[in-house]
Amino acid sequence: MDQQANGLLLAMYHNELQLGAGGKLYEIDRNTRVPPPQGRFMHDVHLRMKPELSIEIDLSYGFSTVFSWPPCKPAAPAITSPSILSKRATGTVSG
């Protein structure tokens, strides 16, 4: 997995406060996140299909967006989401 996406996910799974609307920091509700195996599945599907365009309607914190984004990177070099982090983590998200 892409190092930048991995850092974003680790920060989210480790319940680091996330920058949201109005520049305010918010806690992530542990009950609404995408389980790592499901996220890896989405990531792998994007890797296999190599879509030219992938649109996600982000209804929560952006976990699925971050899992799906790296395989689309040349076409979509950035994530546009309210789930921008104030800090970056390092390590690996496994599932």
PDB file of N, CA and C in Angstrom:
ATOM      1  N   MET A   1       0.837  -1.187   0.000  1.00  0.00           N
ATOM      2  CA  MET A   1       0.000   0.000   0.000  1.00  0.00           C
ATOM      3  C   MET A   1       0.879   1.246   0.000  1.00  0.00           C
ATOM      4  N   ASP A   2       0.399   2.259  -0.617  1.00  0.00           N
ATOM      5  CA  ASP A   2       1.065   3.560  -0.710  1.00  0.00           C
ATOM      6  C   ASP A   2       1.397   4.091   0.690  1.00  0.00           C
ATOM      7  N   GLN A   3       2.604   4.620   0.854  1.00  0.00           N
ATOM      8  CA  GLN A   3       3.075   5.080   2.168  1.00  0.00           C
ATOM      9  C   GLN A   3       2.219   6.224   2.727  1.00  0.00           C
ATOM     10  N   GLN A   4       1.825   7.147   1.882  1.00  0.00           N
ATOM     11  CA  GLN A   4       1.005   8.270   2.340  1.00  0.00           C
ATOM     12  C   GLN A   4      -0.368   7.771   2.814  1.00  0.00           C
ATOM     13  N   ALA A   5      -0.996   6.900   2.022  1.00  0.00           N
ATOM     14  CA  ALA A   5      -2.298   6.354   2.408  1.00  0.00           C
ATOM     15  C   ALA A   5      -2.176   5.541   3.682  1.00  0.00           C
ATOM     16  N   ASN A   6      -1.105   4.774   3.800  1.00  0.00           N
ATOM     17  CA  ASN A   6      -0.873   3.964   4.990  1.00  0.00           C
ATOM     18  C   ASN A   6      -0.790   4.852   6.236  1.00  0.00           C
ATOM     19  N   GLY A   7      -0.076   5.961   6.138  1.00  0.00           N
ATOM     20  CA  GLY A   7       0.033   6.886   7.264  1.00  0.00           C
ATOM     21  C   GLY A   7      -1.306   7.497   7.637  1.00  0.00           C
ATOM     22  N   LEU A   8      -2.090   7.862   6.626  1.00  0.00           N
ATOM     23  CA  LEU A   8      -3.419   8.414   6.887  1.00  0.00           C
ATOM     24  C   LEU A   8      -4.287   7.396   7.625  1.00  0.00           C
ATOM     25  N   LEU A   9      -4.290   6.162   7.119  1.00  0.00           N
ATOM     26  CA  LEU A   9      -5.116   5.119   7.728  1.00  0.00           C
ATOM     27  C   LEU A   9      -4.679   4.813   9.159  1.00  0.00           C
ATOM     28  N   LEU A  10      -3.379   4.725   9.374  1.00  0.00           N
ATOM     29  CA  LEU A  10      -2.891   4.438  10.728  1.00  0.00           C
ATOM     30  C   LEU A  10      -3.332   5.515  11.713  1.00  0.00           C
ATOM     31  N   ALA A  11      -3.230   6.760  11.307  1.00  0.00           N
ATOM     32  CA  ALA A  11      -3.659   7.844  12.183  1.00  0.00           C
ATOM     33  C   ALA A  11      -5.155   7.731  12.481  1.00  0.00           C
ATOM     34  N   MET A  12      -5.936   7.366  11.473  1.00  0.00           N
ATOM     35  CA  MET A  12      -7.376   7.229  11.654  1.00  0.00           C
ATOM     36  C   MET A  12      -7.711   6.035  12.553  1.00  0.00           C
ATOM     37  N   TYR A  13      -7.061   4.891  12.315  1.00  0.00           N
ATOM     38  CA  TYR A  13      -7.320   3.699  13.135  1.00  0.00           C
ATOM     39  C   TYR A  13      -6.799   3.852  14.563  1.00  0.00           C
ATOM     40  N   HIS A  14      -5.802   4.706  14.759  1.00  0.00           N
ATOM     41  CA  HIS A  14      -5.278   4.948  16.107  1.00  0.00           C
ATOM     42  C   HIS A  14      -6.016   6.073  16.818  1.00  0.00           C
ATOM     43  N   ASN A  15      -7.158   6.456  16.260  1.00  0.00           N
ATOM     44  CA  ASN A  15      -8.050   7.448  16.875  1.00  0.00           C
ATOM     45  C   ASN A  15      -7.411   8.808  17.107  1.00  0.00           C
ATOM     46  N   GLU A  16      -6.470   9.190  16.236  1.00  0.00           N
ATOM     47  CA  GLU A  16      -5.929  10.545  16.320  1.00  0.00           C
ATOM     48  C   GLU A  16      -7.025  11.526  15.900  1.00  0.00           C
ATOM     49  N   LEU A  17      -7.061  12.671  16.526  1.00  0.00           N
ATOM     50  CA  LEU A  17      -8.046  13.683  16.174  1.00  0.00           C
ATOM     51  C   LEU A  17      -7.870  14.068  14.706  1.00  0.00           C
ATOM     52  N   GLN A  18      -8.989  14.273  14.016  1.00  0.00           N
ATOM     53  CA  GLN A  18      -8.977  14.584  12.593  1.00  0.00           C
ATOM     54  C   GLN A  18      -9.478  16.003  12.355  1.00  0.00           C
ATOM     55  N   LEU A  19      -8.825  16.693  11.446  1.00  0.00           N
ATOM     56  CA  LEU A  19      -9.209  18.057  11.094  1.00  0.00           C
ATOM     57  C   LEU A  19     -10.477  18.012  10.258  1.00  0.00           C
ATOM     58  N   GLY A  20     -11.482  18.765  10.667  1.00  0.00           N
ATOM     59  CA  GLY A  20     -12.760  18.761   9.957  1.00  0.00           C
ATOM     60  C   GLY A  20     -13.256  20.155   9.656  1.00  0.00           C
ATOM     61  N   ALA A  21     -14.557  20.257   9.553  1.00  0.00           N
ATOM     62  CA  ALA A  21     -15.217  21.507   9.193  1.00  0.00           C
ATOM     63  C   ALA A  21     -14.780  22.644  10.117  1.00  0.00           C
ATOM     64  N   GLY A  22     -14.505  23.774   9.529  1.00  0.00           N
ATOM     65  CA  GLY A  22     -14.133  24.959  10.286  1.00  0.00           C
ATOM     66  C   GLY A  22     -12.790  24.869  10.983  1.00  0.00           C
ATOM     67  N   GLY A  23     -11.959  23.903  10.557  1.00  0.00           N
ATOM     68  CA  GLY A  23     -10.645  23.762  11.155  1.00  0.00           C
ATOM     69  C   GLY A  23     -10.661  23.139  12.542  1.00  0.00           C
ATOM     70  N   LYS A  24     -11.802  22.600  12.951  1.00  0.00           N
ATOM     71  CA  LYS A  24     -11.944  21.987  14.268  1.00  0.00           C
ATOM     72  C   LYS A  24     -11.462  20.530  14.219  1.00  0.00           C
ATOM     73  N   LEU A  25     -10.880  20.055  15.336  1.00  0.00           N
ATOM     74  CA  LEU A  25     -10.441  18.669  15.435  1.00  0.00           C
ATOM     75  C   LEU A  25     -11.563  17.802  15.998  1.00  0.00           C
ATOM     76  N   TYR A  26     -11.739  16.622  15.388  1.00  0.00           N
ATOM     77  CA  TYR A  26     -12.819  15.719  15.777  1.00  0.00           C
ATOM     78  C   TYR A  26     -12.285  14.322  16.066  1.00  0.00           C
ATOM     79  N   GLU A  27     -12.967  13.632  16.993  1.00  0.00           N
ATOM     80  CA  GLU A  27     -12.679  12.225  17.239  1.00  0.00           C
ATOM     81  C   GLU A  27     -13.414  11.388  16.195  1.00  0.00           C
ATOM     82  N   ILE A  28     -12.853  10.232  15.863  1.00  0.00           N
ATOM     83  CA  ILE A  28     -13.508   9.305  14.943  1.00  0.00           C
ATOM     84  C   ILE A  28     -14.311   8.306  15.768  1.00  0.00           C
ATOM     85  N   ASP A  29     -15.555   8.092  15.375  1.00  0.00           N
ATOM     86  CA  ASP A  29     -16.409   7.103  16.027  1.00  0.00           C
ATOM     87  C   ASP A  29     -15.917   5.710  15.637  1.00  0.00           C
ATOM     88  N   ARG A  30     -15.519   4.920  16.608  1.00  0.00           N
ATOM     89  CA  ARG A  30     -14.966   3.583  16.348  1.00  0.00           C
ATOM     90  C   ARG A  30     -15.951   2.662  15.641  1.00  0.00           C
ATOM     91  N   ASN A  31     -17.235   2.945  15.707  1.00  0.00           N
ATOM     92  CA  ASN A  31     -18.243   2.064  15.114  1.00  0.00           C
ATOM     93  C   ASN A  31     -18.501   2.329  13.633  1.00  0.00           C
ATOM     94  N   THR A  32     -17.944   3.387  13.079  1.00  0.00           N
ATOM     95  CA  THR A  32     -18.270   3.730  11.691  1.00  0.00           C
ATOM     96  C   THR A  32     -17.124   3.514  10.712  1.00  0.00           C
ATOM     97  N   ARG A  33     -16.007   3.010  11.155  1.00  0.00           N
ATOM     98  CA  ARG A  33     -14.878   2.849  10.237  1.00  0.00           C
ATOM     99  C   ARG A  33     -14.962   1.553   9.435  1.00  0.00           C
ATOM    100  N   VAL A  34     -14.258   1.539   8.316  1.00  0.00           N
ATOM    101  CA  VAL A  34     -14.187   0.364   7.450  1.00  0.00           C
ATOM    102  C   VAL A  34     -13.199  -0.627   8.065  1.00  0.00           C
ATOM    103  N   PRO A  35     -13.607  -1.890   8.251  1.00  0.00           N
ATOM    104  CA  PRO A  35     -12.665  -2.879   8.766  1.00  0.00           C
ATOM    105  C   PRO A  35     -11.493  -3.051   7.794  1.00  0.00           C
ATOM    106  N   PRO A  36     -10.246  -3.199   8.302  1.00  0.00           N
ATOM    107  CA  PRO A  36      -9.096  -3.331   7.410  1.00  0.00           C
ATOM    108  C   PRO A  36      -9.244  -4.389   6.304  1.00  0.00           C
ATOM    109  N   PRO A  37      -9.800  -5.599   6.572  1.00  0.00           N
ATOM    110  CA  PRO A  37      -9.939  -6.562   5.465  1.00  0.00           C
ATOM    111  C   PRO A  37     -10.846  -6.046   4.339  1.00  0.00           C
ATOM    112  N   GLN A  38     -11.904  -5.346   4.701  1.00  0.00           N
ATOM    113  CA  GLN A  38     -12.801  -4.785   3.688  1.00  0.00           C
ATOM    114  C   GLN A  38     -12.085  -3.679   2.904  1.00  0.00           C
ATOM    115  N   GLY A  39     -11.315  -2.855   3.592  1.00  0.00           N
ATOM    116  CA  GLY A  39     -10.559  -1.806   2.924  1.00  0.00           C
ATOM    117  C   GLY A  39      -9.515  -2.371   1.975  1.00  0.00           C
ATOM    118  N   ARG A  40      -8.802  -3.425   2.415  1.00  0.00           N
ATOM    119  CA  ARG A  40      -7.810  -4.075   1.539  1.00  0.00           C
ATOM    120  C   ARG A  40      -8.487  -4.644   0.292  1.00  0.00           C
ATOM    121  N   PHE A  41      -9.695  -5.187   0.465  1.00  0.00           N
ATOM    122  CA  PHE A  41     -10.447  -5.714  -0.673  1.00  0.00           C
ATOM    123  C   PHE A  41     -10.724  -4.596  -1.682  1.00  0.00           C
ATOM    124  N   MET A  42     -11.202  -3.441  -1.196  1.00  0.00           N
ATOM    125  CA  MET A  42     -11.462  -2.306  -2.092  1.00  0.00           C
ATOM    126  C   MET A  42     -10.174  -1.873  -2.789  1.00  0.00           C
ATOM    127  N   HIS A  43      -9.092  -1.826  -2.033  1.00  0.00           N
ATOM    128  CA  HIS A  43      -7.796  -1.458  -2.595  1.00  0.00           C
ATOM    129  C   HIS A  43      -7.392  -2.436  -3.703  1.00  0.00           C
ATOM    130  N   ASP A  44      -7.508  -3.725  -3.429  1.00  0.00           N
ATOM    131  CA  ASP A  44      -7.123  -4.754  -4.398  1.00  0.00           C
ATOM    132  C   ASP A  44      -7.995  -4.724  -5.650  1.00  0.00           C
ATOM    133  N   VAL A  45      -9.293  -4.476  -5.491  1.00  0.00           N
ATOM    134  CA  VAL A  45     -10.189  -4.364  -6.651  1.00  0.00           C
ATOM    135  C   VAL A  45      -9.746  -3.200  -7.540  1.00  0.00           C
ATOM    136  N   HIS A  46      -9.417  -2.067  -6.933  1.00  0.00           N
ATOM    137  CA  HIS A  46      -8.941  -0.919  -7.713  1.00  0.00           C
ATOM    138  C   HIS A  46      -7.616  -1.238  -8.411  1.00  0.00           C
ATOM    139  N   LEU A  47      -6.735  -1.978  -7.743  1.00  0.00           N
ATOM    140  CA  LEU A  47      -5.464  -2.360  -8.371  1.00  0.00           C
ATOM    141  C   LEU A  47      -5.697  -3.232  -9.602  1.00  0.00           C
ATOM    142  N   ARG A  48      -6.609  -4.196  -9.473  1.00  0.00           N
ATOM    143  CA  ARG A  48      -6.888  -5.114 -10.591  1.00  0.00           C
ATOM    144  C   ARG A  48      -7.603  -4.420 -11.743  1.00  0.00           C
ATOM    145  N   MET A  49      -8.572  -3.565 -11.437  1.00  0.00           N
ATOM    146  CA  MET A  49      -9.393  -2.938 -12.480  1.00  0.00           C
ATOM    147  C   MET A  49      -8.707  -1.744 -13.141  1.00  0.00           C
ATOM    148  N   LYS A  50      -7.793  -1.093 -12.414  1.00  0.00           N
ATOM    149  CA  LYS A  50      -7.095   0.096 -12.931  1.00  0.00           C
ATOM    150  C   LYS A  50      -8.069   1.115 -13.531  1.00  0.00           C
ATOM    151  N   PRO A  51      -9.017   1.607 -12.740  1.00  0.00           N
ATOM    152  CA  PRO A  51     -10.003   2.544 -13.296  1.00  0.00           C
ATOM    153  C   PRO A  51      -9.374   3.871 -13.698  1.00  0.00           C
ATOM    154  N   GLU A  52      -9.911   4.451 -14.757  1.00  0.00           N
ATOM    155  CA  GLU A  52      -9.480   5.796 -15.156  1.00  0.00           C
ATOM    156  C   GLU A  52     -10.116   6.840 -14.253  1.00  0.00           C
ATOM    157  N   LEU A  53     -11.253   6.487 -13.673  1.00  0.00           N
ATOM    158  CA  LEU A  53     -11.968   7.406 -12.795  1.00  0.00           C
ATOM    159  C   LEU A  53     -12.630   6.593 -11.696  1.00  0.00           C
ATOM    160  N   SER A  54     -12.532   7.058 -10.492  1.00  0.00           N
ATOM    161  CA  SER A  54     -13.198   6.417  -9.361  1.00  0.00           C
ATOM    162  C   SER A  54     -13.813   7.517  -8.503  1.00  0.00           C
ATOM    163  N   ILE A  55     -15.113   7.454  -8.348  1.00  0.00           N
ATOM    164  CA  ILE A  55     -15.821   8.465  -7.571  1.00  0.00           C
ATOM    165  C   ILE A  55     -16.372   7.799  -6.315  1.00  0.00           C
ATOM    166  N   GLU A  56     -16.100   8.408  -5.197  1.00  0.00           N
ATOM    167  CA  GLU A  56     -16.608   7.888  -3.929  1.00  0.00           C
ATOM    168  C   GLU A  56     -17.444   8.960  -3.272  1.00  0.00           C
ATOM    169  N   ILE A  57     -18.631   8.563  -2.858  1.00  0.00           N
ATOM    170  CA  ILE A  57     -19.467   9.462  -2.067  1.00  0.00           C
ATOM    171  C   ILE A  57     -19.126   9.134  -0.616  1.00  0.00           C
ATOM    172  N   ASP A  58     -18.348   9.983  -0.014  1.00  0.00           N
ATOM    173  CA  ASP A  58     -17.830   9.755   1.331  1.00  0.00           C
ATOM    174  C   ASP A  58     -18.873  10.200   2.349  1.00  0.00           C
ATOM    175  N   LEU A  59     -19.463   9.223   3.043  1.00  0.00           N
ATOM    176  CA  LEU A  59     -20.515   9.537   4.002  1.00  0.00           C
ATOM    177  C   LEU A  59     -20.039   9.512   5.447  1.00  0.00           C
ATOM    178  N   SER A  60     -18.768   9.276   5.649  1.00  0.00           N
ATOM    179  CA  SER A  60     -18.294   9.204   7.021  1.00  0.00           C
ATOM    180  C   SER A  60     -16.937   9.871   7.126  1.00  0.00           C
ATOM    181  N   TYR A  61     -15.895   9.116   7.442  1.00  0.00           N
ATOM    182  CA  TYR A  61     -14.590   9.691   7.725  1.00  0.00           C
ATOM    183  C   TYR A  61     -13.577   9.574   6.601  1.00  0.00           C
ATOM    184  N   GLY A  62     -13.876   8.836   5.542  1.00  0.00           N
ATOM    185  CA  GLY A  62     -12.951   8.732   4.427  1.00  0.00           C
ATOM    186  C   GLY A  62     -12.070   7.496   4.419  1.00  0.00           C
ATOM    187  N   PHE A  63     -12.348   6.509   5.275  1.00  0.00           N
ATOM    188  CA  PHE A  63     -11.538   5.291   5.285  1.00  0.00           C
ATOM    189  C   PHE A  63     -11.527   4.630   3.909  1.00  0.00           C
ATOM    190  N   SER A  64     -12.711   4.398   3.326  1.00  0.00           N
ATOM    191  CA  SER A  64     -12.766   3.722   2.026  1.00  0.00           C
ATOM    192  C   SER A  64     -12.126   4.574   0.932  1.00  0.00           C
ATOM    193  N   THR A  65     -12.231   5.892   1.039  1.00  0.00           N
ATOM    194  CA  THR A  65     -11.573   6.768   0.070  1.00  0.00           C
ATOM    195  C   THR A  65     -10.070   6.568   0.111  1.00  0.00           C
ATOM    196  N   VAL A  66      -9.501   6.501   1.296  1.00  0.00           N
ATOM    197  CA  VAL A  66      -8.047   6.348   1.434  1.00  0.00           C
ATOM    198  C   VAL A  66      -7.596   4.972   0.951  1.00  0.00           C
ATOM    199  N   PHE A  67      -8.381   3.922   1.229  1.00  0.00           N
ATOM    200  CA  PHE A  67      -8.033   2.594   0.737  1.00  0.00           C
ATOM    201  C   PHE A  67      -8.079   2.534  -0.793  1.00  0.00           C
ATOM    202  N   SER A  68      -9.042   3.201  -1.408  1.00  0.00           N
ATOM    203  CA  SER A  68      -9.246   3.120  -2.857  1.00  0.00           C
ATOM    204  C   SER A  68      -8.380   4.077  -3.658  1.00  0.00           C
ATOM    205  N   TRP A  69      -7.867   5.118  -3.038  1.00  0.00           N
ATOM    206  CA  TRP A  69      -7.167   6.171  -3.759  1.00  0.00           C
ATOM    207  C   TRP A  69      -5.820   5.773  -4.360  1.00  0.00           C
ATOM    208  N   PRO A  70      -4.900   5.107  -3.645  1.00  0.00           N
ATOM    209  CA  PRO A  70      -3.564   4.879  -4.210  1.00  0.00           C
ATOM    210  C   PRO A  70      -3.517   4.195  -5.573  1.00  0.00           C
ATOM    211  N   PRO A  71      -4.358   3.176  -5.847  1.00  0.00           N
ATOM    212  CA  PRO A  71      -4.277   2.561  -7.168  1.00  0.00           C
ATOM    213  C   PRO A  71      -4.667   3.500  -8.311  1.00  0.00           C
ATOM    214  N   CYS A  72      -5.364   4.582  -8.019  1.00  0.00           N
ATOM    215  CA  CYS A  72      -5.812   5.532  -9.045  1.00  0.00           C
ATOM    216  C   CYS A  72      -4.892   6.736  -9.144  1.00  0.00           C
ATOM    217  N   LYS A  73      -3.772   6.725  -8.447  1.00  0.00           N
ATOM    218  CA  LYS A  73      -2.959   7.925  -8.243  1.00  0.00           C
ATOM    219  C   LYS A  73      -2.556   8.729  -9.476  1.00  0.00           C
ATOM    220  N   PRO A  74      -2.052   8.155 -10.550  1.00  0.00           N
ATOM    221  CA  PRO A  74      -1.678   9.060 -11.654  1.00  0.00           C
ATOM    222  C   PRO A  74      -2.854   9.884 -12.162  1.00  0.00           C
ATOM    223  N   ALA A  75      -4.041   9.275 -12.171  1.00  0.00           N
ATOM    224  CA  ALA A  75      -5.220   9.995 -12.646  1.00  0.00           C
ATOM    225  C   ALA A  75      -5.809  10.891 -11.563  1.00  0.00           C
ATOM    226  N   ALA A  76      -5.630  10.515 -10.306  1.00  0.00           N
ATOM    227  CA  ALA A  76      -6.197  11.271  -9.189  1.00  0.00           C
ATOM    228  C   ALA A  76      -5.116  11.474  -8.145  1.00  0.00           C
ATOM    229  N   PRO A  77      -4.226  12.453  -8.340  1.00  0.00           N
ATOM    230  CA  PRO A  77      -3.066  12.604  -7.462  1.00  0.00           C
ATOM    231  C   PRO A  77      -3.360  13.100  -6.055  1.00  0.00           C
ATOM    232  N   ALA A  78      -4.592  13.421  -5.745  1.00  0.00           N
ATOM    233  CA  ALA A  78      -4.878  13.935  -4.400  1.00  0.00           C
ATOM    234  C   ALA A  78      -6.237  13.456  -3.922  1.00  0.00           C
ATOM    235  N   ILE A  79      -6.380  13.397  -2.612  1.00  0.00           N
ATOM    236  CA  ILE A  79      -7.673  13.089  -2.005  1.00  0.00           C
ATOM    237  C   ILE A  79      -8.315  14.416  -1.643  1.00  0.00           C
ATOM    238  N   THR A  80      -9.555  14.579  -2.048  1.00  0.00           N
ATOM    239  CA  THR A  80     -10.316  15.744  -1.621  1.00  0.00           C
ATOM    240  C   THR A  80     -11.370  15.213  -0.680  1.00  0.00           C
ATOM    241  N   SER A  81     -11.205  15.465   0.589  1.00  0.00           N
ATOM    242  CA  SER A  81     -12.081  14.901   1.604  1.00  0.00           C
ATOM    243  C   SER A  81     -11.969  15.721   2.880  1.00  0.00           C
ATOM    244  N   PRO A  82     -13.025  15.740   3.673  1.00  0.00           N
ATOM    245  CA  PRO A  82     -12.910  16.424   4.958  1.00  0.00           C
ATOM    246  C   PRO A  82     -12.015  15.670   5.936  1.00  0.00           C
ATOM    247  N   SER A  83     -11.576  14.471   5.564  1.00  0.00           N
ATOM    248  CA  SER A  83     -10.763  13.639   6.451  1.00  0.00           C
ATOM    249  C   SER A  83      -9.277  13.946   6.303  1.00  0.00           C
ATOM    250  N   ILE A  84      -8.892  15.209   6.336  1.00  0.00           N
ATOM    251  CA  ILE A  84      -7.493  15.616   6.264  1.00  0.00           C
ATOM    252  C   ILE A  84      -6.910  15.535   7.666  1.00  0.00           C
ATOM    253  N   LEU A  85      -5.727  15.001   7.774  1.00  0.00           N
ATOM    254  CA  LEU A  85      -5.155  14.791   9.097  1.00  0.00           C
ATOM    255  C   LEU A  85      -4.260  15.931   9.542  1.00  0.00           C
ATOM    256  N   SER A  86      -4.275  16.159  10.834  1.00  0.00           N
ATOM    257  CA  SER A  86      -3.379  17.154  11.397  1.00  0.00           C
ATOM    258  C   SER A  86      -1.999  16.556  11.637  1.00  0.00           C
ATOM    259  N   LYS A  87      -1.928  15.223  11.782  1.00  0.00           N
ATOM    260  CA  LYS A  87      -0.658  14.529  11.990  1.00  0.00           C
ATOM    261  C   LYS A  87      -0.584  13.346  11.038  1.00  0.00           C
ATOM    262  N   ARG A  88       0.601  12.863  10.783  1.00  0.00           N
ATOM    263  CA  ARG A  88       0.796  11.678   9.953  1.00  0.00           C
ATOM    264  C   ARG A  88       1.404  10.586  10.816  1.00  0.00           C
ATOM    265  N   ALA A  89       0.973   9.341  10.591  1.00  0.00           N
ATOM    266  CA  ALA A  89       1.522   8.202  11.340  1.00  0.00           C
ATOM    267  C   ALA A  89       2.389   7.372  10.403  1.00  0.00           C
ATOM    268  N   THR A  90       3.189   6.518  10.975  1.00  0.00           N
ATOM    269  CA  THR A  90       3.995   5.600  10.167  1.00  0.00           C
ATOM    270  C   THR A  90       3.741   4.190  10.637  1.00  0.00           C
ATOM    271  N   GLY A  91       3.933   3.245   9.757  1.00  0.00           N
ATOM    272  CA  GLY A  91       3.707   1.837  10.073  1.00  0.00           C
ATOM    273  C   GLY A  91       2.942   1.182   8.945  1.00  0.00           C
ATOM    274  N   THR A  92       2.237   0.117   9.247  1.00  0.00           N
ATOM    275  CA  THR A  92       1.502  -0.636   8.228  1.00  0.00           C
ATOM    276  C   THR A  92       0.118  -0.970   8.729  1.00  0.00           C
ATOM    277  N   VAL A  93      -0.874  -0.796   7.858  1.00  0.00           N
ATOM    278  CA  VAL A  93      -2.234  -1.235   8.160  1.00  0.00           C
ATOM    279  C   VAL A  93      -2.363  -2.629   7.597  1.00  0.00           C
ATOM    280  N   SER A  94      -2.704  -3.595   8.429  1.00  0.00           N
ATOM    281  CA  SER A  94      -2.846  -4.965   7.945  1.00  0.00           C
ATOM    282  C   SER A  94      -4.287  -5.384   8.062  1.00  0.00           C
ATOM    283  N   GLY A  95      -4.625  -6.387   7.285  1.00  0.00           N
ATOM    284  CA  GLY A  95      -6.009  -6.831   7.340  1.00  0.00           C
ATOM    285  C   GLY A  95      -6.201  -8.214   6.966  1.00  0.00           C
TER     286      GLY A  95
END
